[in-house]
Amino acid sequence: MDNMKKELEDSKFEHKEIDFGTRKISKMNFSHIVTIPKKFIQSTRYEKITSIRMIMQDGCLKLVPIRAKNGDEEIDL
């Protein structure tokens, strides 16, 4: 558990200048498409991240990570 918390702090420090949380939603064939930046996906050191997804009034998707998991280790963010 302590290992994952340290990795989380390291990750926040390495990418603190980048805003990953808000992405524009586009429409295509009656579907809503959201692209997640490759850098966001590559920056995570966890096998699984659980997040809350909110569609904002301006049409942006906001991702709020709440839990991360590596193997049997799990932490709340």
C-alpha atoms as a PDB file:
ATOM      1  CA  MET A   1       0.000   0.000   0.000  1.00  0.00           C
ATOM      2  CA  ASP A   2       2.793   2.443   0.868  1.00  0.00           C
ATOM      3  CA  ASN A   3       4.487   1.659  -2.448  1.00  0.00           C
ATOM      4  CA  MET A   4       1.382   2.645  -4.412  1.00  0.00           C
ATOM      5  CA  LYS A   5       0.974   5.885  -2.438  1.00  0.00           C
ATOM      6  CA  LYS A   6       4.598   6.826  -3.160  1.00  0.00           C
ATOM      7  CA  GLU A   7       4.126   6.061  -6.871  1.00  0.00           C
ATOM      8  CA  LEU A   8       0.998   8.217  -6.881  1.00  0.00           C
ATOM      9  CA  GLU A   9       2.890  11.143  -5.355  1.00  0.00           C
ATOM     10  CA  ASP A  10       5.746  10.656  -7.869  1.00  0.00           C
ATOM     11  CA  SER A  11       3.250  10.608 -10.734  1.00  0.00           C
ATOM     12  CA  LYS A  12       1.569  13.818  -9.510  1.00  0.00           C
ATOM     13  CA  PHE A  13       4.960  15.521  -9.319  1.00  0.00           C
ATOM     14  CA  GLU A  14       6.048  14.376 -12.802  1.00  0.00           C
ATOM     15  CA  HIS A  15       2.832  15.496 -14.508  1.00  0.00           C
ATOM     16  CA  LYS A  16       1.632  18.359 -12.316  1.00  0.00           C
ATOM     17  CA  GLU A  17       1.732  20.908 -15.158  1.00  0.00           C
ATOM     18  CA  ILE A  18      -0.616  18.906 -17.414  1.00  0.00           C
ATOM     19  CA  ASP A  19      -4.406  19.130 -17.036  1.00  0.00           C
ATOM     20  CA  PHE A  20      -5.720  15.663 -17.882  1.00  0.00           C
ATOM     21  CA  GLY A  21      -9.142  16.030 -16.319  1.00  0.00           C
ATOM     22  CA  THR A  22     -11.255  17.711 -18.992  1.00  0.00           C
ATOM     23  CA  ARG A  23     -11.767  16.589 -22.596  1.00  0.00           C
ATOM     24  CA  LYS A  24     -14.153  17.852 -25.308  1.00  0.00           C
ATOM     25  CA  ILE A  25     -16.962  15.514 -26.345  1.00  0.00           C
ATOM     26  CA  SER A  26     -17.630  15.241 -30.084  1.00  0.00           C
ATOM     27  CA  LYS A  27     -20.587  13.666 -31.840  1.00  0.00           C
ATOM     28  CA  MET A  28     -20.234  11.043 -34.564  1.00  0.00           C
ATOM     29  CA  ASN A  29     -23.036   8.871 -35.965  1.00  0.00           C
ATOM     30  CA  PHE A  30     -25.322   9.576 -33.002  1.00  0.00           C
ATOM     31  CA  SER A  31     -22.575   8.556 -30.538  1.00  0.00           C
ATOM     32  CA  HIS A  32     -20.581  10.698 -28.167  1.00  0.00           C
ATOM     33  CA  ILE A  33     -16.840  10.242 -28.671  1.00  0.00           C
ATOM     34  CA  VAL A  34     -14.219  11.191 -26.088  1.00  0.00           C
ATOM     35  CA  THR A  35     -10.505  10.917 -26.736  1.00  0.00           C
ATOM     36  CA  ILE A  36      -8.189  10.392 -23.786  1.00  0.00           C
ATOM     37  CA  PRO A  37      -4.660  11.744 -24.295  1.00  0.00           C
ATOM     38  CA  LYS A  38      -2.018   9.064 -24.836  1.00  0.00           C
ATOM     39  CA  LYS A  39       0.174  10.827 -22.278  1.00  0.00           C
ATOM     40  CA  PHE A  40      -2.578  10.438 -19.662  1.00  0.00           C
ATOM     41  CA  ILE A  41      -2.805   6.693 -20.259  1.00  0.00           C
ATOM     42  CA  GLN A  42       0.973   6.247 -20.296  1.00  0.00           C
ATOM     43  CA  SER A  43       1.439   8.358 -17.151  1.00  0.00           C
ATOM     44  CA  THR A  44      -0.475   5.970 -14.932  1.00  0.00           C
ATOM     45  CA  ARG A  45       1.457   3.251 -13.150  1.00  0.00           C
ATOM     46  CA  TYR A  46      -1.628   1.308 -12.133  1.00  0.00           C
ATOM     47  CA  GLU A  47      -3.310  -1.689 -13.757  1.00  0.00           C
ATOM     48  CA  LYS A  48      -6.754  -0.231 -13.117  1.00  0.00           C
ATOM     49  CA  ILE A  49      -8.067   3.206 -12.174  1.00  0.00           C
ATOM     50  CA  THR A  50     -11.703   3.722 -11.192  1.00  0.00           C
ATOM     51  CA  SER A  51     -13.002   7.201 -11.925  1.00  0.00           C
ATOM     52  CA  ILE A  52     -16.191   9.217 -11.759  1.00  0.00           C
ATOM     53  CA  ARG A  53     -17.217  10.622 -15.144  1.00  0.00           C
ATOM     54  CA  MET A  54     -19.192  13.871 -15.326  1.00  0.00           C
ATOM     55  CA  ILE A  55     -20.457  15.686 -18.417  1.00  0.00           C
ATOM     56  CA  MET A  56     -20.111  19.396 -17.744  1.00  0.00           C
ATOM     57  CA  GLN A  57     -22.498  22.099 -19.014  1.00  0.00           C
ATOM     58  CA  ASP A  58     -19.944  23.262 -21.590  1.00  0.00           C
ATOM     59  CA  GLY A  59     -19.865  19.778 -23.191  1.00  0.00           C
ATOM     60  CA  CYS A  60     -16.626  18.613 -21.581  1.00  0.00           C
ATOM     61  CA  LEU A  61     -16.087  15.300 -19.858  1.00  0.00           C
ATOM     62  CA  LYS A  62     -14.446  15.533 -16.448  1.00  0.00           C
ATOM     63  CA  LEU A  63     -12.664  12.444 -15.099  1.00  0.00           C
ATOM     64  CA  VAL A  64     -12.146  12.261 -11.346  1.00  0.00           C
ATOM     65  CA  PRO A  65     -10.014   9.268 -10.295  1.00  0.00           C
ATOM     66  CA  ILE A  66     -11.194   7.740  -7.018  1.00  0.00           C
ATOM     67  CA  ARG A  67      -9.382   4.392  -6.701  1.00  0.00           C
ATOM     68  CA  ALA A  68      -6.271   2.713  -8.146  1.00  0.00           C
ATOM     69  CA  LYS A  69      -5.328  -0.956  -8.182  1.00  0.00           C
ATOM     70  CA  ASN A  70      -2.123  -2.933  -8.812  1.00  0.00           C
ATOM     71  CA  GLY A  71      -2.513  -6.678  -8.353  1.00  0.00           C
ATOM     72  CA  ASP A  72      -3.972  -7.174  -4.870  1.00  0.00           C
ATOM     73  CA  GLU A  73      -3.037  -3.660  -3.686  1.00  0.00           C
ATOM     74  CA  GLU A  74      -5.783  -1.049  -3.827  1.00  0.00           C
ATOM     75  CA  ILE A  75      -5.775   2.586  -2.659  1.00  0.00           C
ATOM     76  CA  ASP A  76      -8.297   5.418  -2.544  1.00  0.00           C
ATOM     77  CA  LEU A  77      -7.131   8.543  -4.359  1.00  0.00           C
END
